[in-house]
Amino acid sequence: MKWCAFLLVSVAPAFAQGGVGQVDAAGVEHPPGLVSAELLPGWVTPKGNRMTALALRLEPGWKTYWRSPGDAGVPPHFDWQGSSNLGQVTMHWPRPETIESGGERTLGYHDMLVLPIEIAPADAGGAVDLATTVDFGLCDDICVPVQVRLTAPPAGSAPDPAIQAALAQVPETSTERPQCRVEEIEDGMRVTASFDHQDAPEVAMELQADKVWVSQPELGRQGDRLTASADFVAESGKPFALDTNALRLTLIGPDRATEYLGCDTVTD
């Protein structure tokens, strides 16, 4: 299995000391590759949920990662301690792009990421105050882990066009289920999914379980069907019971993406 090699740099709260970054007009040194990071004010939806977004602005050429980056890369991780009236948190991930770097193919974002985040209040009708610590990876010729501590301003009175634009890039959800074949490999499981009459430059495969690494799928064709095959490796390094209903498969094109929840197992 392959992992992204990170140059370890100490980057404590919000734009911290350590690393070789840029210094802004206020004399604050940013981590390498990062221009700014913030939680946008957002708004309160008609359902009473708080809508905000993580906004990362990167230096030219730098990239950060999607929720399931593939063979290499580190997706963002959020710790919401310090927030109040926090209920269910839902990430609305915009469609990623394929990034080729150092012979690796990963999924992520160049230059700018606006990641919409919707929070249901624990106490309906009460205000949601947001504070989070976010750990994520940034890569150019080197890769660095970054940690920022952010607090959202009070919600605005109207929807934010930047967040709305990001929401428009979220993959569609299909009610169909592709076919898939599951087999044991030495250190885990391999899933091969096939899609009827589909063409897509990229496919992402995920398992809704913690601590399962998933390789970047290899694409092919079987007759008139698109196929995607990926390895799923758990911490045990052994084959395990893989629930195909917990699979999430995303076909990613240049202009749209479609997400499938679960697949139907075939054995022949």
C-alpha atoms as a PDB file:
ATOM      1  CA  MET A   1       0.000   0.000   0.000  1.00  0.00           C
ATOM      2  CA  LYS A   2       1.235   3.520  -0.775  1.00  0.00           C
ATOM      3  CA  TRP A   3       1.061   6.588   1.405  1.00  0.00           C
ATOM      4  CA  CYS A   4       1.919  10.236   0.812  1.00  0.00           C
ATOM      5  CA  ALA A   5       5.290  11.196   2.298  1.00  0.00           C
ATOM      6  CA  PHE A   6       4.898  14.337   4.400  1.00  0.00           C
ATOM      7  CA  LEU A   7       7.575  16.791   5.424  1.00  0.00           C
ATOM      8  CA  LEU A   8       6.624  17.264   9.047  1.00  0.00           C
ATOM      9  CA  VAL A   9       6.254  20.922   9.929  1.00  0.00           C
ATOM     10  CA  SER A  10       5.043  22.302  13.240  1.00  0.00           C
ATOM     11  CA  VAL A  11       2.054  24.520  12.526  1.00  0.00           C
ATOM     12  CA  ALA A  12       0.086  25.268  15.636  1.00  0.00           C
ATOM     13  CA  PRO A  13      -3.025  27.496  15.887  1.00  0.00           C
ATOM     14  CA  ALA A  14      -4.518  29.278  12.983  1.00  0.00           C
ATOM     15  CA  PHE A  15      -1.436  30.497  11.160  1.00  0.00           C
ATOM     16  CA  ALA A  16       1.358  29.411  13.313  1.00  0.00           C
ATOM     17  CA  GLN A  17       5.066  29.366  13.738  1.00  0.00           C
ATOM     18  CA  GLY A  18       7.218  26.792  12.027  1.00  0.00           C
ATOM     19  CA  GLY A  19       7.826  25.829   8.420  1.00  0.00           C
ATOM     20  CA  VAL A  20       8.770  28.009   5.510  1.00  0.00           C
ATOM     21  CA  GLY A  21       5.655  29.954   4.573  1.00  0.00           C
ATOM     22  CA  GLN A  22       4.814  33.506   3.673  1.00  0.00           C
ATOM     23  CA  VAL A  23       4.538  36.435   6.061  1.00  0.00           C
ATOM     24  CA  ASP A  24       1.568  38.760   5.641  1.00  0.00           C
ATOM     25  CA  ALA A  25       1.382  42.509   6.262  1.00  0.00           C
ATOM     26  CA  ALA A  26       0.622  41.923   9.943  1.00  0.00           C
ATOM     27  CA  GLY A  27       3.798  39.898  10.342  1.00  0.00           C
ATOM     28  CA  VAL A  28       1.954  36.553  10.756  1.00  0.00           C
ATOM     29  CA  GLU A  29       3.740  33.604   9.187  1.00  0.00           C
ATOM     30  CA  HIS A  30       1.465  31.216   7.309  1.00  0.00           C
ATOM     31  CA  PRO A  31       2.283  27.512   6.866  1.00  0.00           C
ATOM     32  CA  PRO A  32       3.819  26.648   3.479  1.00  0.00           C
ATOM     33  CA  GLY A  33       1.237  26.711   0.709  1.00  0.00           C
ATOM     34  CA  LEU A  34      -1.556  28.310   2.762  1.00  0.00           C
ATOM     35  CA  VAL A  35      -2.658  31.893   2.160  1.00  0.00           C
ATOM     36  CA  SER A  36      -5.711  31.925   4.432  1.00  0.00           C
ATOM     37  CA  ALA A  37      -8.149  29.666   6.274  1.00  0.00           C
ATOM     38  CA  GLU A  38     -11.512  30.624   7.755  1.00  0.00           C
ATOM     39  CA  LEU A  39     -15.004  29.491   8.627  1.00  0.00           C
ATOM     40  CA  LEU A  40     -17.418  31.631   6.635  1.00  0.00           C
ATOM     41  CA  PRO A  41     -20.349  33.252   8.483  1.00  0.00           C
ATOM     42  CA  GLY A  42     -22.930  31.465   6.369  1.00  0.00           C
ATOM     43  CA  TRP A  43     -26.629  31.678   7.236  1.00  0.00           C
ATOM     44  CA  VAL A  44     -29.495  29.833   8.937  1.00  0.00           C
ATOM     45  CA  THR A  45     -31.490  27.625   6.540  1.00  0.00           C
ATOM     46  CA  PRO A  46     -35.310  27.450   6.488  1.00  0.00           C
ATOM     47  CA  LYS A  47     -34.968  24.155   8.434  1.00  0.00           C
ATOM     48  CA  GLY A  48     -33.144  26.013  11.195  1.00  0.00           C
ATOM     49  CA  ASN A  49     -29.730  24.504  10.383  1.00  0.00           C
ATOM     50  CA  ARG A  50     -26.559  26.581  10.435  1.00  0.00           C
ATOM     51  CA  MET A  51     -24.784  26.666   7.082  1.00  0.00           C
ATOM     52  CA  THR A  52     -21.101  27.598   7.073  1.00  0.00           C
ATOM     53  CA  ALA A  53     -18.043  26.557   5.037  1.00  0.00           C
ATOM     54  CA  LEU A  54     -14.348  25.910   5.468  1.00  0.00           C
ATOM     55  CA  ALA A  55     -12.607  28.268   3.032  1.00  0.00           C
ATOM     56  CA  LEU A  56      -8.964  27.507   2.232  1.00  0.00           C
ATOM     57  CA  ARG A  57      -7.025  29.768  -0.125  1.00  0.00           C
ATOM     58  CA  LEU A  58      -3.771  28.212  -1.326  1.00  0.00           C
ATOM     59  CA  GLU A  59      -0.640  29.512  -2.980  1.00  0.00           C
ATOM     60  CA  PRO A  60      -0.450  28.873  -6.767  1.00  0.00           C
ATOM     61  CA  GLY A  61       0.352  25.245  -7.555  1.00  0.00           C
ATOM     62  CA  TRP A  62      -0.536  23.905  -4.119  1.00  0.00           C
ATOM     63  CA  LYS A  63      -3.345  21.414  -3.541  1.00  0.00           C
ATOM     64  CA  THR A  64      -5.381  19.967  -0.704  1.00  0.00           C
ATOM     65  CA  TYR A  65      -7.445  16.801  -0.585  1.00  0.00           C
ATOM     66  CA  TRP A  66     -10.971  15.448  -0.953  1.00  0.00           C
ATOM     67  CA  ARG A  67     -12.612  13.246   1.696  1.00  0.00           C
ATOM     68  CA  SER A  68     -11.196  10.121  -0.030  1.00  0.00           C
ATOM     69  CA  PRO A  69      -8.026  11.182  -1.846  1.00  0.00           C
ATOM     70  CA  GLY A  70      -6.882   7.777  -3.124  1.00  0.00           C
ATOM     71  CA  ASP A  71      -3.400   6.253  -2.894  1.00  0.00           C
ATOM     72  CA  ALA A  72      -1.904   9.309  -1.195  1.00  0.00           C
ATOM     73  CA  GLY A  73      -3.050  12.418   0.603  1.00  0.00           C
ATOM     74  CA  VAL A  74      -4.703  13.383   3.857  1.00  0.00           C
ATOM     75  CA  PRO A  75      -8.391  14.413   3.950  1.00  0.00           C
ATOM     76  CA  PRO A  76      -9.445  17.149   6.386  1.00  0.00           C
ATOM     77  CA  HIS A  77     -10.335  16.084   9.922  1.00  0.00           C
ATOM     78  CA  PHE A  78     -12.505  18.312  12.121  1.00  0.00           C
ATOM     79  CA  ASP A  79     -12.625  18.504  15.921  1.00  0.00           C
ATOM     80  CA  TRP A  80     -15.650  20.574  16.967  1.00  0.00           C
ATOM     81  CA  GLN A  81     -14.813  20.860  20.669  1.00  0.00           C
ATOM     82  CA  GLY A  82     -15.464  24.442  21.704  1.00  0.00           C
ATOM     83  CA  SER A  83     -18.700  24.680  19.700  1.00  0.00           C
ATOM     84  CA  SER A  84     -22.057  25.041  21.405  1.00  0.00           C
ATOM     85  CA  ASN A  85     -25.495  23.643  20.533  1.00  0.00           C
ATOM     86  CA  LEU A  86     -23.837  21.357  17.989  1.00  0.00           C
ATOM     87  CA  GLY A  87     -26.011  18.562  16.571  1.00  0.00           C
ATOM     88  CA  GLN A  88     -25.434  16.539  13.413  1.00  0.00           C
ATOM     89  CA  VAL A  89     -22.658  17.853  11.153  1.00  0.00           C
ATOM     90  CA  THR A  90     -22.973  17.229   7.391  1.00  0.00           C
ATOM     91  CA  MET A  91     -20.163  17.943   4.933  1.00  0.00           C
ATOM     92  CA  HIS A  92     -21.288  18.834   1.401  1.00  0.00           C
ATOM     93  CA  TRP A  93     -18.158  17.990  -0.607  1.00  0.00           C
ATOM     94  CA  PRO A  94     -17.831  19.736  -3.993  1.00  0.00           C
ATOM     95  CA  ARG A  95     -16.769  17.612  -6.959  1.00  0.00           C
ATOM     96  CA  PRO A  96     -12.969  17.113  -6.775  1.00  0.00           C
ATOM     97  CA  GLU A  97     -10.486  17.103  -9.614  1.00  0.00           C
ATOM     98  CA  THR A  98      -7.871  14.509 -10.511  1.00  0.00           C
ATOM     99  CA  ILE A  99      -4.381  15.610  -9.507  1.00  0.00           C
ATOM    100  CA  GLU A 100      -1.246  13.980 -10.965  1.00  0.00           C
ATOM    101  CA  SER A 101       1.847  14.508  -8.855  1.00  0.00           C
ATOM    102  CA  GLY A 102       5.044  12.498  -8.489  1.00  0.00           C
ATOM    103  CA  GLY A 103       3.535   9.537 -10.301  1.00  0.00           C
ATOM    104  CA  GLU A 104       0.529   9.449  -7.933  1.00  0.00           C
ATOM    105  CA  ARG A 105      -3.091  10.084  -8.912  1.00  0.00           C
ATOM    106  CA  THR A 106      -5.159  11.686  -6.178  1.00  0.00           C
ATOM    107  CA  LEU A 107      -8.417  13.600  -5.783  1.00  0.00           C
ATOM    108  CA  GLY A 108      -8.462  17.108  -4.402  1.00  0.00           C
ATOM    109  CA  TYR A 109      -8.543  20.826  -5.077  1.00  0.00           C
ATOM    110  CA  HIS A 110      -6.116  23.404  -6.439  1.00  0.00           C
ATOM    111  CA  ASP A 111      -5.838  27.021  -5.296  1.00  0.00           C
ATOM    112  CA  MET A 112      -9.141  27.298  -3.399  1.00  0.00           C
ATOM    113  CA  LEU A 113     -11.513  25.041  -1.481  1.00  0.00           C
ATOM    114  CA  VAL A 114     -14.912  26.116  -0.192  1.00  0.00           C
ATOM    115  CA  LEU A 115     -16.339  23.140   1.715  1.00  0.00           C
ATOM    116  CA  PRO A 116     -19.978  23.740   2.763  1.00  0.00           C
ATOM    117  CA  ILE A 117     -20.799  22.440   6.248  1.00  0.00           C
ATOM    118  CA  GLU A 118     -24.369  22.150   7.531  1.00  0.00           C
ATOM    119  CA  ILE A 119     -24.997  21.834  11.277  1.00  0.00           C
ATOM    120  CA  ALA A 120     -28.283  20.868  12.857  1.00  0.00           C
ATOM    121  CA  PRO A 121     -28.676  22.476  16.311  1.00  0.00           C
ATOM    122  CA  ALA A 122     -28.816  20.100  19.263  1.00  0.00           C
ATOM    123  CA  ASP A 123     -31.500  22.354  20.742  1.00  0.00           C
ATOM    124  CA  ALA A 124     -33.862  23.296  17.918  1.00  0.00           C
ATOM    125  CA  GLY A 125     -34.308  27.039  17.662  1.00  0.00           C
ATOM    126  CA  GLY A 126     -31.140  27.828  19.581  1.00  0.00           C
ATOM    127  CA  ALA A 127     -28.116  29.559  18.086  1.00  0.00           C
ATOM    128  CA  VAL A 128     -25.156  27.433  16.950  1.00  0.00           C
ATOM    129  CA  ASP A 129     -21.724  28.829  17.857  1.00  0.00           C
ATOM    130  CA  LEU A 130     -18.904  27.195  15.914  1.00  0.00           C
ATOM    131  CA  ALA A 131     -15.272  26.589  16.802  1.00  0.00           C
ATOM    132  CA  THR A 132     -13.167  23.851  15.233  1.00  0.00           C
ATOM    133  CA  THR A 133      -9.648  22.529  14.910  1.00  0.00           C
ATOM    134  CA  VAL A 134      -8.976  21.302  11.373  1.00  0.00           C
ATOM    135  CA  ASP A 135      -6.094  19.020  10.387  1.00  0.00           C
ATOM    136  CA  PHE A 136      -5.400  18.685   6.666  1.00  0.00           C
ATOM    137  CA  GLY A 137      -2.637  18.143   4.160  1.00  0.00           C
ATOM    138  CA  LEU A 138      -1.136  20.510   1.597  1.00  0.00           C
ATOM    139  CA  CYS A 139       1.132  19.406  -1.248  1.00  0.00           C
ATOM    140  CA  ASP A 140       3.295  20.896  -3.963  1.00  0.00           C
ATOM    141  CA  ASP A 141       6.826  19.550  -4.430  1.00  0.00           C
ATOM    142  CA  ILE A 142       6.692  18.752  -0.718  1.00  0.00           C
ATOM    143  CA  CYS A 143       3.740  17.818   1.484  1.00  0.00           C
ATOM    144  CA  VAL A 144       3.020  19.379   4.866  1.00  0.00           C
ATOM    145  CA  PRO A 145       0.426  18.620   7.530  1.00  0.00           C
ATOM    146  CA  VAL A 146      -1.386  21.733   8.711  1.00  0.00           C
ATOM    147  CA  GLN A 147      -3.546  22.420  11.753  1.00  0.00           C
ATOM    148  CA  VAL A 148      -5.725  25.514  12.060  1.00  0.00           C
ATOM    149  CA  ARG A 149      -8.077  26.597  14.839  1.00  0.00           C
ATOM    150  CA  LEU A 150     -11.048  28.546  13.555  1.00  0.00           C
ATOM    151  CA  THR A 151     -14.134  30.279  14.929  1.00  0.00           C
ATOM    152  CA  ALA A 152     -17.108  31.208  12.753  1.00  0.00           C
ATOM    153  CA  PRO A 153     -18.495  34.743  12.877  1.00  0.00           C
ATOM    154  CA  PRO A 154     -22.220  35.084  13.611  1.00  0.00           C
ATOM    155  CA  ALA A 155     -24.499  33.828  10.834  1.00  0.00           C
ATOM    156  CA  GLY A 156     -25.430  36.326   8.156  1.00  0.00           C
ATOM    157  CA  SER A 157     -28.947  37.293   7.178  1.00  0.00           C
ATOM    158  CA  ALA A 158     -28.809  35.862   3.628  1.00  0.00           C
ATOM    159  CA  PRO A 159     -27.185  32.932   1.776  1.00  0.00           C
ATOM    160  CA  ASP A 160     -23.536  33.366   0.795  1.00  0.00           C
ATOM    161  CA  PRO A 161     -23.017  33.147  -3.015  1.00  0.00           C
ATOM    162  CA  ALA A 162     -19.607  31.466  -2.542  1.00  0.00           C
ATOM    163  CA  ILE A 163     -21.162  28.681  -0.458  1.00  0.00           C
ATOM    164  CA  GLN A 164     -24.088  28.352  -2.860  1.00  0.00           C
ATOM    165  CA  ALA A 165     -21.644  27.968  -5.773  1.00  0.00           C
ATOM    166  CA  ALA A 166     -19.833  25.188  -3.899  1.00  0.00           C
ATOM    167  CA  LEU A 167     -23.146  23.457  -3.106  1.00  0.00           C
ATOM    168  CA  ALA A 168     -23.933  23.454  -6.829  1.00  0.00           C
ATOM    169  CA  GLN A 169     -20.769  21.357  -7.367  1.00  0.00           C
ATOM    170  CA  VAL A 170     -21.836  18.566  -4.976  1.00  0.00           C
ATOM    171  CA  PRO A 171     -22.284  15.206  -6.800  1.00  0.00           C
ATOM    172  CA  GLU A 172     -25.803  14.054  -7.631  1.00  0.00           C
ATOM    173  CA  THR A 173     -27.048  10.972  -5.771  1.00  0.00           C
ATOM    174  CA  SER A 174     -28.319   8.130  -7.946  1.00  0.00           C
ATOM    175  CA  THR A 175     -31.049   5.727  -6.843  1.00  0.00           C
ATOM    176  CA  GLU A 176     -29.465   2.970  -8.954  1.00  0.00           C
ATOM    177  CA  ARG A 177     -26.948   0.458  -7.619  1.00  0.00           C
ATOM    178  CA  PRO A 178     -24.002  -0.718  -9.725  1.00  0.00           C
ATOM    179  CA  GLN A 179     -22.871  -4.342  -9.752  1.00  0.00           C
ATOM    180  CA  CYS A 180     -19.765  -5.296  -7.797  1.00  0.00           C
ATOM    181  CA  ARG A 181     -17.544  -8.285  -7.195  1.00  0.00           C
ATOM    182  CA  VAL A 182     -15.761  -8.687  -3.835  1.00  0.00           C
ATOM    183  CA  GLU A 183     -12.726 -10.915  -3.358  1.00  0.00           C
ATOM    184  CA  GLU A 184     -10.083 -11.485  -0.707  1.00  0.00           C
ATOM    185  CA  ILE A 185      -6.520 -10.290  -1.206  1.00  0.00           C
ATOM    186  CA  GLU A 186      -3.531 -10.887   1.072  1.00  0.00           C
ATOM    187  CA  ASP A 187      -3.999  -7.768   3.209  1.00  0.00           C
ATOM    188  CA  GLY A 188      -7.696  -6.987   2.760  1.00  0.00           C
ATOM    189  CA  MET A 189     -10.427  -7.008   0.144  1.00  0.00           C
ATOM    190  CA  ARG A 190     -10.695  -6.000  -3.500  1.00  0.00           C
ATOM    191  CA  VAL A 191     -13.896  -4.546  -4.922  1.00  0.00           C
ATOM    192  CA  THR A 192     -14.555  -4.366  -8.657  1.00  0.00           C
ATOM    193  CA  ALA A 193     -17.625  -2.329  -9.573  1.00  0.00           C
ATOM    194  CA  SER A 194     -19.199  -2.037 -13.012  1.00  0.00           C
ATOM    195  CA  PHE A 195     -21.459   0.701 -14.307  1.00  0.00           C
ATOM    196  CA  ASP A 196     -23.916   0.417 -17.180  1.00  0.00           C
ATOM    197  CA  HIS A 197     -23.072   2.601 -20.215  1.00  0.00           C
ATOM    198  CA  GLN A 198     -20.972   5.048 -18.179  1.00  0.00           C
ATOM    199  CA  ASP A 199     -17.880   7.005 -19.117  1.00  0.00           C
ATOM    200  CA  ALA A 200     -16.018   8.967 -16.465  1.00  0.00           C
ATOM    201  CA  PRO A 201     -12.406  10.150 -16.259  1.00  0.00           C
ATOM    202  CA  GLU A 202     -12.296   9.176 -12.563  1.00  0.00           C
ATOM    203  CA  VAL A 203     -14.055   6.959 -10.020  1.00  0.00           C
ATOM    204  CA  ALA A 204     -13.790   7.180  -6.229  1.00  0.00           C
ATOM    205  CA  MET A 205     -14.597   4.224  -3.965  1.00  0.00           C
ATOM    206  CA  GLU A 206     -15.171   4.598  -0.221  1.00  0.00           C
ATOM    207  CA  LEU A 207     -16.293   2.488   2.714  1.00  0.00           C
ATOM    208  CA  GLN A 208     -18.291   4.177   5.445  1.00  0.00           C
ATOM    209  CA  ALA A 209     -16.016   2.822   8.168  1.00  0.00           C
ATOM    210  CA  ASP A 210     -13.077   4.354  10.002  1.00  0.00           C
ATOM    211  CA  LYS A 211      -9.507   3.230   9.512  1.00  0.00           C
ATOM    212  CA  VAL A 212      -9.955   1.442   6.181  1.00  0.00           C
ATOM    213  CA  TRP A 213      -7.499   2.577   3.515  1.00  0.00           C
ATOM    214  CA  VAL A 214      -8.764   2.525  -0.085  1.00  0.00           C
ATOM    215  CA  SER A 215      -6.532   2.626  -3.143  1.00  0.00           C
ATOM    216  CA  GLN A 216      -7.194   4.838  -6.139  1.00  0.00           C
ATOM    217  CA  PRO A 217      -9.372   2.656  -8.420  1.00  0.00           C
ATOM    218  CA  GLU A 218      -8.018   1.255 -11.657  1.00  0.00           C
ATOM    219  CA  LEU A 219     -10.454   1.861 -14.519  1.00  0.00           C
ATOM    220  CA  GLY A 220     -11.290  -0.394 -17.443  1.00  0.00           C
ATOM    221  CA  ARG A 221     -14.096  -1.590 -19.671  1.00  0.00           C
ATOM    222  CA  GLN A 222     -15.963  -4.884 -19.856  1.00  0.00           C
ATOM    223  CA  GLY A 223     -18.071  -4.839 -22.985  1.00  0.00           C
ATOM    224  CA  ASP A 224     -20.207  -1.707 -22.780  1.00  0.00           C
ATOM    225  CA  ARG A 225     -19.691  -1.302 -19.015  1.00  0.00           C
ATOM    226  CA  LEU A 226     -17.178   0.876 -17.173  1.00  0.00           C
ATOM    227  CA  THR A 227     -15.281  -1.011 -14.449  1.00  0.00           C
ATOM    228  CA  ALA A 228     -13.381   0.275 -11.410  1.00  0.00           C
ATOM    229  CA  SER A 229     -11.287  -1.893  -9.080  1.00  0.00           C
ATOM    230  CA  ALA A 230      -9.817  -0.818  -5.711  1.00  0.00           C
ATOM    231  CA  ASP A 231      -8.186  -2.455  -2.693  1.00  0.00           C
ATOM    232  CA  PHE A 232      -9.631  -1.977   0.800  1.00  0.00           C
ATOM    233  CA  VAL A 233      -7.114  -2.506   3.604  1.00  0.00           C
ATOM    234  CA  ALA A 234      -8.088  -2.455   7.300  1.00  0.00           C
ATOM    235  CA  GLU A 235      -5.701  -1.909  10.223  1.00  0.00           C
ATOM    236  CA  SER A 236      -5.506  -5.692  10.743  1.00  0.00           C
ATOM    237  CA  GLY A 237      -3.814  -6.118   7.349  1.00  0.00           C
ATOM    238  CA  LYS A 238      -6.052  -9.152   6.761  1.00  0.00           C
ATOM    239  CA  PRO A 239      -9.242  -9.946   4.817  1.00  0.00           C
ATOM    240  CA  PHE A 240     -12.387  -8.744   6.580  1.00  0.00           C
ATOM    241  CA  ALA A 241     -16.172  -8.772   6.204  1.00  0.00           C
ATOM    242  CA  LEU A 242     -16.916  -5.933   3.790  1.00  0.00           C
ATOM    243  CA  ASP A 243     -20.504  -4.667   3.758  1.00  0.00           C
ATOM    244  CA  THR A 244     -21.337  -3.689   0.180  1.00  0.00           C
ATOM    245  CA  ASN A 245     -24.287  -1.616   1.443  1.00  0.00           C
ATOM    246  CA  ALA A 246     -21.737   0.646   3.150  1.00  0.00           C
ATOM    247  CA  LEU A 247     -19.868   1.360  -0.082  1.00  0.00           C
ATOM    248  CA  ARG A 248     -20.018   4.802  -1.649  1.00  0.00           C
ATOM    249  CA  LEU A 249     -19.015   5.005  -5.316  1.00  0.00           C
ATOM    250  CA  THR A 250     -18.607   8.318  -7.136  1.00  0.00           C
ATOM    251  CA  LEU A 251     -18.203   8.788 -10.889  1.00  0.00           C
ATOM    252  CA  ILE A 252     -16.384  12.079 -11.462  1.00  0.00           C
ATOM    253  CA  GLY A 253     -16.382  13.934 -14.766  1.00  0.00           C
ATOM    254  CA  PRO A 254     -15.161  17.394 -15.749  1.00  0.00           C
ATOM    255  CA  ASP A 255     -18.629  18.945 -15.488  1.00  0.00           C
ATOM    256  CA  ARG A 256     -20.615  16.711 -13.132  1.00  0.00           C
ATOM    257  CA  ALA A 257     -20.345  13.807 -10.710  1.00  0.00           C
ATOM    258  CA  THR A 258     -22.749  11.055  -9.624  1.00  0.00           C
ATOM    259  CA  GLU A 259     -22.708   9.218  -6.313  1.00  0.00           C
ATOM    260  CA  TYR A 260     -23.983   5.669  -5.760  1.00  0.00           C
ATOM    261  CA  LEU A 261     -24.739   4.313  -2.287  1.00  0.00           C
ATOM    262  CA  GLY A 262     -24.148   0.564  -2.063  1.00  0.00           C
ATOM    263  CA  CYS A 263     -23.815  -2.019  -4.828  1.00  0.00           C
ATOM    264  CA  ASP A 264     -25.315  -5.393  -5.771  1.00  0.00           C
ATOM    265  CA  THR A 265     -22.876  -8.284  -5.374  1.00  0.00           C
ATOM    266  CA  VAL A 266     -22.321 -10.669  -8.276  1.00  0.00           C
ATOM    267  CA  THR A 267     -20.430 -13.948  -7.943  1.00  0.00           C
ATOM    268  CA  ASP A 268     -20.033 -15.277 -11.497  1.00  0.00           C
END
